[in-house]
Amino acid sequence: MKQVISKVAITCAAFLLSFSVMASYDEAKTQVDASIKDMIAVVDKYHDQQNPNEDELAKDIAAIVDRDVDFTYISSWVMGKYYRQATEEQRAKFAVVFKQTLIKTYAKSLVGFDIKEYSISPPTSPSPEDDKQIVTVDVTSGDGTVYTLVNYMVKTDEHWKLVNVIMNGINFRITFKNQFSDLMQRNSYDVGKVVDAWQSQINPPATQG
């Protein structure tokens, strides 16, 4: 009798765990879907403008990424092994600079991009951790090209946030990490100089003349 009860308990526990995992995935999926819809709204707003207001565009994108992207997490990962040698001020500054990088990257990529449709694929297997989920999205452009976006989501403070994206095999977090490492080598492994150099790349000084 005890063995039967034990088996029932294990079965119930497995069912509840499975339900919890699927509930977590559905939450992450809902967040990704909301982000895409909001980005499409931005694309539609500026799509037909030949010279869109860059400040307004950046403001609209910032409202979305502020809500849905964990910049502190990503920027610390991008800094990699150099994160430990950075001061708190340098870490905080790079998080802000990296946010500006992402906003400008989105702005350049989205304006003029015609999104025909998108679909969210079901998970191939449950995540071993409830607070970490992978949501895969296939985006079809106006010319029929399909882009596969693999979104890595982490739940923090009851909100799902993006911590990495792989697009058609290109890992954005690793790409940025390699750029940071390259800048470290070219700047005598001085974190402060690297953060300043990164910032100058996204906000080049105005030329006189």
C-alpha atoms as a PDB file:
ATOM      1  CA  MET A   1       0.000   0.000   0.000  1.00  0.00           C
ATOM      2  CA  LYS A   2       2.823   2.375   0.904  1.00  0.00           C
ATOM      3  CA  GLN A   3       4.465   1.675  -2.460  1.00  0.00           C
ATOM      4  CA  VAL A   4       1.236   2.516  -4.277  1.00  0.00           C
ATOM      5  CA  ILE A   5       0.876   5.782  -2.339  1.00  0.00           C
ATOM      6  CA  SER A   6       4.524   6.585  -3.042  1.00  0.00           C
ATOM      7  CA  LYS A   7       4.070   6.011  -6.775  1.00  0.00           C
ATOM      8  CA  VAL A   8       0.943   8.170  -6.801  1.00  0.00           C
ATOM      9  CA  ALA A   9       2.795  10.928  -4.958  1.00  0.00           C
ATOM     10  CA  ILE A  10       5.693  10.793  -7.419  1.00  0.00           C
ATOM     11  CA  THR A  11       3.289  10.854 -10.365  1.00  0.00           C
ATOM     12  CA  CYS A  12       1.441  13.855  -8.932  1.00  0.00           C
ATOM     13  CA  ALA A  13       4.705  15.657  -8.247  1.00  0.00           C
ATOM     14  CA  ALA A  14       5.898  15.015 -11.806  1.00  0.00           C
ATOM     15  CA  PHE A  15       2.590  16.282 -13.184  1.00  0.00           C
ATOM     16  CA  LEU A  16       2.718  19.438 -11.070  1.00  0.00           C
ATOM     17  CA  LEU A  17       6.335  20.039 -12.082  1.00  0.00           C
ATOM     18  CA  SER A  18       5.453  19.601 -15.749  1.00  0.00           C
ATOM     19  CA  PHE A  19       2.513  21.983 -15.349  1.00  0.00           C
ATOM     20  CA  SER A  20       4.761  24.531 -13.649  1.00  0.00           C
ATOM     21  CA  VAL A  21       7.339  24.326 -16.449  1.00  0.00           C
ATOM     22  CA  MET A  22       4.698  24.794 -19.146  1.00  0.00           C
ATOM     23  CA  ALA A  23       3.172  27.689 -17.218  1.00  0.00           C
ATOM     24  CA  SER A  24       6.611  29.316 -17.041  1.00  0.00           C
ATOM     25  CA  TYR A  25       7.130  28.804 -20.776  1.00  0.00           C
ATOM     26  CA  ASP A  26       3.725  30.292 -21.547  1.00  0.00           C
ATOM     27  CA  GLU A  27       4.610  33.361 -19.476  1.00  0.00           C
ATOM     28  CA  ALA A  28       7.897  33.815 -21.348  1.00  0.00           C
ATOM     29  CA  LYS A  29       6.166  33.207 -24.681  1.00  0.00           C
ATOM     30  CA  THR A  30       3.537  35.845 -23.867  1.00  0.00           C
ATOM     31  CA  GLN A  31       6.263  38.367 -23.049  1.00  0.00           C
ATOM     32  CA  VAL A  32       8.144  37.674 -26.296  1.00  0.00           C
ATOM     33  CA  ASP A  33       4.913  37.962 -28.270  1.00  0.00           C
ATOM     34  CA  ALA A  34       4.142  41.322 -26.638  1.00  0.00           C
ATOM     35  CA  SER A  35       7.651  42.590 -27.423  1.00  0.00           C
ATOM     36  CA  ILE A  36       7.338  41.605 -31.078  1.00  0.00           C
ATOM     37  CA  LYS A  37       3.939  43.244 -31.424  1.00  0.00           C
ATOM     38  CA  ASP A  38       5.282  46.449 -29.879  1.00  0.00           C
ATOM     39  CA  MET A  39       8.315  46.424 -32.195  1.00  0.00           C
ATOM     40  CA  ILE A  40       6.058  45.878 -35.220  1.00  0.00           C
ATOM     41  CA  ALA A  41       4.014  48.891 -34.120  1.00  0.00           C
ATOM     42  CA  VAL A  42       7.218  50.961 -34.129  1.00  0.00           C
ATOM     43  CA  VAL A  43       8.146  49.625 -37.583  1.00  0.00           C
ATOM     44  CA  ASP A  44       4.700  50.526 -38.933  1.00  0.00           C
ATOM     45  CA  LYS A  45       4.927  54.005 -37.419  1.00  0.00           C
ATOM     46  CA  TYR A  46       8.194  54.894 -39.153  1.00  0.00           C
ATOM     47  CA  HIS A  47       8.141  52.575 -42.173  1.00  0.00           C
ATOM     48  CA  ASP A  48       6.996  55.136 -44.758  1.00  0.00           C
ATOM     49  CA  GLN A  49       9.096  58.006 -43.415  1.00  0.00           C
ATOM     50  CA  GLN A  50      12.153  58.732 -45.561  1.00  0.00           C
ATOM     51  CA  ASN A  51      13.922  60.623 -42.783  1.00  0.00           C
ATOM     52  CA  PRO A  52      12.401  59.525 -39.475  1.00  0.00           C
ATOM     53  CA  ASN A  53      13.136  61.547 -36.361  1.00  0.00           C
ATOM     54  CA  GLU A  54      15.974  59.568 -34.781  1.00  0.00           C
ATOM     55  CA  ASP A  55      15.296  60.878 -31.284  1.00  0.00           C
ATOM     56  CA  GLU A  56      11.624  59.908 -31.439  1.00  0.00           C
ATOM     57  CA  LEU A  57      12.489  56.508 -32.892  1.00  0.00           C
ATOM     58  CA  ALA A  58      15.066  55.875 -30.165  1.00  0.00           C
ATOM     59  CA  LYS A  59      12.541  56.936 -27.529  1.00  0.00           C
ATOM     60  CA  ASP A  60       9.931  54.478 -28.821  1.00  0.00           C
ATOM     61  CA  ILE A  61      12.428  51.620 -28.940  1.00  0.00           C
ATOM     62  CA  ALA A  62      13.867  52.494 -25.522  1.00  0.00           C
ATOM     63  CA  ALA A  63      10.409  52.180 -23.975  1.00  0.00           C
ATOM     64  CA  ILE A  64      10.249  48.568 -25.167  1.00  0.00           C
ATOM     65  CA  VAL A  65      13.800  47.445 -24.402  1.00  0.00           C
ATOM     66  CA  ASP A  66      13.786  49.128 -20.982  1.00  0.00           C
ATOM     67  CA  ARG A  67      10.854  46.918 -20.084  1.00  0.00           C
ATOM     68  CA  ASP A  68      11.941  43.703 -21.763  1.00  0.00           C
ATOM     69  CA  VAL A  69      15.771  43.511 -21.783  1.00  0.00           C
ATOM     70  CA  ASP A  70      18.061  42.856 -18.810  1.00  0.00           C
ATOM     71  CA  PHE A  71      20.947  45.192 -19.667  1.00  0.00           C
ATOM     72  CA  THR A  72      22.810  44.622 -16.411  1.00  0.00           C
ATOM     73  CA  TYR A  73      22.858  40.859 -16.978  1.00  0.00           C
ATOM     74  CA  ILE A  74      23.900  41.084 -20.630  1.00  0.00           C
ATOM     75  CA  SER A  75      26.527  43.796 -20.160  1.00  0.00           C
ATOM     76  CA  SER A  76      28.199  41.833 -17.349  1.00  0.00           C
ATOM     77  CA  TRP A  77      28.285  38.765 -19.603  1.00  0.00           C
ATOM     78  CA  VAL A  78      29.700  40.811 -22.499  1.00  0.00           C
ATOM     79  CA  MET A  79      32.495  42.104 -20.257  1.00  0.00           C
ATOM     80  CA  GLY A  80      33.291  38.478 -19.439  1.00  0.00           C
ATOM     81  CA  LYS A  81      36.397  37.880 -17.348  1.00  0.00           C
ATOM     82  CA  TYR A  82      37.109  41.617 -17.321  1.00  0.00           C
ATOM     83  CA  TYR A  83      33.948  42.281 -15.307  1.00  0.00           C
ATOM     84  CA  ARG A  84      35.741  41.492 -12.043  1.00  0.00           C
ATOM     85  CA  GLN A  85      38.516  43.992 -12.630  1.00  0.00           C
ATOM     86  CA  ALA A  86      36.058  46.766 -13.512  1.00  0.00           C
ATOM     87  CA  THR A  87      34.933  49.241 -10.869  1.00  0.00           C
ATOM     88  CA  GLU A  88      31.258  49.596  -9.953  1.00  0.00           C
ATOM     89  CA  GLU A  89      31.224  52.897 -11.828  1.00  0.00           C
ATOM     90  CA  GLN A  90      32.681  51.281 -14.962  1.00  0.00           C
ATOM     91  CA  ARG A  91      30.185  48.424 -14.793  1.00  0.00           C
ATOM     92  CA  ALA A  92      27.263  50.816 -14.437  1.00  0.00           C
ATOM     93  CA  LYS A  93      28.557  53.040 -17.242  1.00  0.00           C
ATOM     94  CA  PHE A  94      28.998  50.124 -19.617  1.00  0.00           C
ATOM     95  CA  ALA A  95      25.458  48.901 -18.876  1.00  0.00           C
ATOM     96  CA  VAL A  96      24.179  52.309 -20.006  1.00  0.00           C
ATOM     97  CA  VAL A  97      26.488  52.382 -23.039  1.00  0.00           C
ATOM     98  CA  PHE A  98      25.454  48.857 -24.010  1.00  0.00           C
ATOM     99  CA  LYS A  99      21.805  49.854 -23.759  1.00  0.00           C
ATOM    100  CA  GLN A 100      22.483  52.711 -26.192  1.00  0.00           C
ATOM    101  CA  THR A 101      24.206  50.215 -28.495  1.00  0.00           C
ATOM    102  CA  LEU A 102      21.188  47.927 -28.506  1.00  0.00           C
ATOM    103  CA  ILE A 103      18.754  50.784 -29.114  1.00  0.00           C
ATOM    104  CA  LYS A 104      20.776  52.004 -32.108  1.00  0.00           C
ATOM    105  CA  THR A 105      21.104  48.447 -33.414  1.00  0.00           C
ATOM    106  CA  TYR A 106      17.334  47.968 -33.231  1.00  0.00           C
ATOM    107  CA  ALA A 107      16.726  51.371 -34.835  1.00  0.00           C
ATOM    108  CA  LYS A 108      18.966  50.647 -37.831  1.00  0.00           C
ATOM    109  CA  SER A 109      17.614  47.118 -38.245  1.00  0.00           C
ATOM    110  CA  LEU A 110      13.914  47.817 -37.894  1.00  0.00           C
ATOM    111  CA  VAL A 111      13.403  50.951 -39.981  1.00  0.00           C
ATOM    112  CA  GLY A 112      12.745  49.860 -43.535  1.00  0.00           C
ATOM    113  CA  PHE A 113      12.353  46.211 -42.531  1.00  0.00           C
ATOM    114  CA  ASP A 114       9.072  44.809 -43.791  1.00  0.00           C
ATOM    115  CA  ILE A 115       7.685  42.159 -41.445  1.00  0.00           C
ATOM    116  CA  LYS A 116       5.116  40.062 -43.280  1.00  0.00           C
ATOM    117  CA  GLU A 117       4.340  37.613 -40.485  1.00  0.00           C
ATOM    118  CA  TYR A 118       5.819  35.738 -37.553  1.00  0.00           C
ATOM    119  CA  SER A 119       5.140  32.537 -35.662  1.00  0.00           C
ATOM    120  CA  ILE A 120       6.291  31.208 -32.303  1.00  0.00           C
ATOM    121  CA  SER A 121       7.453  27.594 -32.387  1.00  0.00           C
ATOM    122  CA  PRO A 122       6.532  25.166 -29.595  1.00  0.00           C
ATOM    123  CA  PRO A 123       9.425  24.171 -27.301  1.00  0.00           C
ATOM    124  CA  THR A 124      11.338  21.065 -28.353  1.00  0.00           C
ATOM    125  CA  SER A 125      11.821  20.071 -24.697  1.00  0.00           C
ATOM    126  CA  PRO A 126      10.961  21.528 -21.280  1.00  0.00           C
ATOM    127  CA  SER A 127      13.504  23.804 -19.626  1.00  0.00           C
ATOM    128  CA  PRO A 128      15.234  22.263 -16.584  1.00  0.00           C
ATOM    129  CA  GLU A 129      14.836  25.605 -14.794  1.00  0.00           C
ATOM    130  CA  ASP A 130      11.461  27.310 -14.418  1.00  0.00           C
ATOM    131  CA  ASP A 131      12.945  30.807 -14.437  1.00  0.00           C
ATOM    132  CA  LYS A 132      14.869  30.264 -17.690  1.00  0.00           C
ATOM    133  CA  GLN A 133      13.084  29.648 -20.969  1.00  0.00           C
ATOM    134  CA  ILE A 134      13.917  29.615 -24.679  1.00  0.00           C
ATOM    135  CA  VAL A 135      11.318  31.018 -27.076  1.00  0.00           C
ATOM    136  CA  THR A 136      11.927  30.496 -30.799  1.00  0.00           C
ATOM    137  CA  VAL A 137      10.313  32.824 -33.325  1.00  0.00           C
ATOM    138  CA  ASP A 138      10.289  32.618 -37.129  1.00  0.00           C
ATOM    139  CA  VAL A 139       9.941  36.043 -38.740  1.00  0.00           C
ATOM    140  CA  THR A 140       9.096  36.295 -42.445  1.00  0.00           C
ATOM    141  CA  SER A 141      10.067  39.479 -44.265  1.00  0.00           C
ATOM    142  CA  GLY A 142       8.224  41.020 -47.187  1.00  0.00           C
ATOM    143  CA  ASP A 143      10.527  39.323 -49.707  1.00  0.00           C
ATOM    144  CA  GLY A 144       9.871  35.908 -48.179  1.00  0.00           C
ATOM    145  CA  THR A 145      13.130  35.568 -46.255  1.00  0.00           C
ATOM    146  CA  VAL A 146      12.678  33.712 -42.965  1.00  0.00           C
ATOM    147  CA  TYR A 147      14.706  34.761 -39.928  1.00  0.00           C
ATOM    148  CA  THR A 148      14.816  32.435 -36.932  1.00  0.00           C
ATOM    149  CA  LEU A 149      15.178  34.244 -33.610  1.00  0.00           C
ATOM    150  CA  VAL A 150      16.025  32.177 -30.546  1.00  0.00           C
ATOM    151  CA  ASN A 151      15.168  34.294 -27.506  1.00  0.00           C
ATOM    152  CA  TYR A 152      16.744  33.411 -24.164  1.00  0.00           C
ATOM    153  CA  MET A 153      14.492  34.640 -21.373  1.00  0.00           C
ATOM    154  CA  VAL A 154      15.106  34.889 -17.625  1.00  0.00           C
ATOM    155  CA  LYS A 155      12.520  35.712 -14.981  1.00  0.00           C
ATOM    156  CA  THR A 156      13.619  38.380 -12.501  1.00  0.00           C
ATOM    157  CA  ASP A 157      11.387  40.239 -10.060  1.00  0.00           C
ATOM    158  CA  GLU A 158       8.283  38.541 -11.505  1.00  0.00           C
ATOM    159  CA  HIS A 159       9.051  39.836 -15.007  1.00  0.00           C
ATOM    160  CA  TRP A 160      10.475  37.945 -17.978  1.00  0.00           C
ATOM    161  CA  LYS A 161      13.413  39.666 -19.640  1.00  0.00           C
ATOM    162  CA  LEU A 162      15.566  38.947 -22.663  1.00  0.00           C
ATOM    163  CA  VAL A 163      19.216  38.064 -21.942  1.00  0.00           C
ATOM    164  CA  ASN A 164      20.356  36.836 -25.360  1.00  0.00           C
ATOM    165  CA  VAL A 165      19.272  36.354 -28.968  1.00  0.00           C
ATOM    166  CA  ILE A 166      20.552  34.017 -31.647  1.00  0.00           C
ATOM    167  CA  MET A 167      19.467  34.998 -35.160  1.00  0.00           C
ATOM    168  CA  ASN A 168      20.057  32.461 -37.932  1.00  0.00           C
ATOM    169  CA  GLY A 169      22.962  31.035 -35.957  1.00  0.00           C
ATOM    170  CA  ILE A 170      24.523  34.385 -35.008  1.00  0.00           C
ATOM    171  CA  ASN A 171      24.827  34.662 -31.223  1.00  0.00           C
ATOM    172  CA  PHE A 172      24.509  38.368 -30.411  1.00  0.00           C
ATOM    173  CA  ARG A 173      25.852  38.083 -26.876  1.00  0.00           C
ATOM    174  CA  ILE A 174      28.976  36.231 -27.998  1.00  0.00           C
ATOM    175  CA  THR A 175      29.437  38.694 -30.876  1.00  0.00           C
ATOM    176  CA  PHE A 176      29.402  41.647 -28.473  1.00  0.00           C
ATOM    177  CA  LYS A 177      31.641  39.775 -26.033  1.00  0.00           C
ATOM    178  CA  ASN A 178      34.231  39.212 -28.757  1.00  0.00           C
ATOM    179  CA  GLN A 179      34.092  42.918 -29.618  1.00  0.00           C
ATOM    180  CA  PHE A 180      34.704  43.845 -25.982  1.00  0.00           C
ATOM    181  CA  SER A 181      37.617  41.412 -25.735  1.00  0.00           C
ATOM    182  CA  ASP A 182      39.133  42.812 -28.934  1.00  0.00           C
ATOM    183  CA  LEU A 183      38.864  46.364 -27.593  1.00  0.00           C
ATOM    184  CA  MET A 184      40.556  45.262 -24.370  1.00  0.00           C
ATOM    185  CA  GLN A 185      43.529  43.972 -26.346  1.00  0.00           C
ATOM    186  CA  ARG A 186      43.733  47.172 -28.384  1.00  0.00           C
ATOM    187  CA  ASN A 187      43.471  49.405 -25.315  1.00  0.00           C
ATOM    188  CA  SER A 188      46.126  47.855 -23.069  1.00  0.00           C
ATOM    189  CA  TYR A 189      43.493  45.935 -21.083  1.00  0.00           C
ATOM    190  CA  ASP A 190      42.196  49.173 -19.570  1.00  0.00           C
ATOM    191  CA  VAL A 191      38.460  48.753 -18.872  1.00  0.00           C
ATOM    192  CA  GLY A 192      37.884  52.499 -18.579  1.00  0.00           C
ATOM    193  CA  LYS A 193      39.425  53.146 -21.998  1.00  0.00           C
ATOM    194  CA  VAL A 194      37.394  50.331 -23.523  1.00  0.00           C
ATOM    195  CA  VAL A 195      34.097  51.671 -22.185  1.00  0.00           C
ATOM    196  CA  ASP A 196      34.988  55.143 -23.494  1.00  0.00           C
ATOM    197  CA  ALA A 197      36.022  53.669 -26.866  1.00  0.00           C
ATOM    198  CA  TRP A 198      32.756  51.713 -27.098  1.00  0.00           C
ATOM    199  CA  GLN A 199      30.788  54.847 -26.286  1.00  0.00           C
ATOM    200  CA  SER A 200      32.647  56.871 -28.934  1.00  0.00           C
ATOM    201  CA  GLN A 201      31.715  54.250 -31.538  1.00  0.00           C
ATOM    202  CA  ILE A 202      27.999  54.652 -30.921  1.00  0.00           C
ATOM    203  CA  ASN A 203      28.176  58.408 -30.237  1.00  0.00           C
ATOM    204  CA  PRO A 204      30.992  59.709 -32.465  1.00  0.00           C
ATOM    205  CA  PRO A 205      32.103  63.277 -31.690  1.00  0.00           C
ATOM    206  CA  ALA A 206      30.718  65.925 -34.001  1.00  0.00           C
ATOM    207  CA  THR A 207      33.164  67.085 -36.665  1.00  0.00           C
ATOM    208  CA  GLN A 208      33.856  70.745 -37.106  1.00  0.00           C
ATOM    209  CA  GLY A 209      34.057  72.461 -40.429  1.00  0.00           C
END
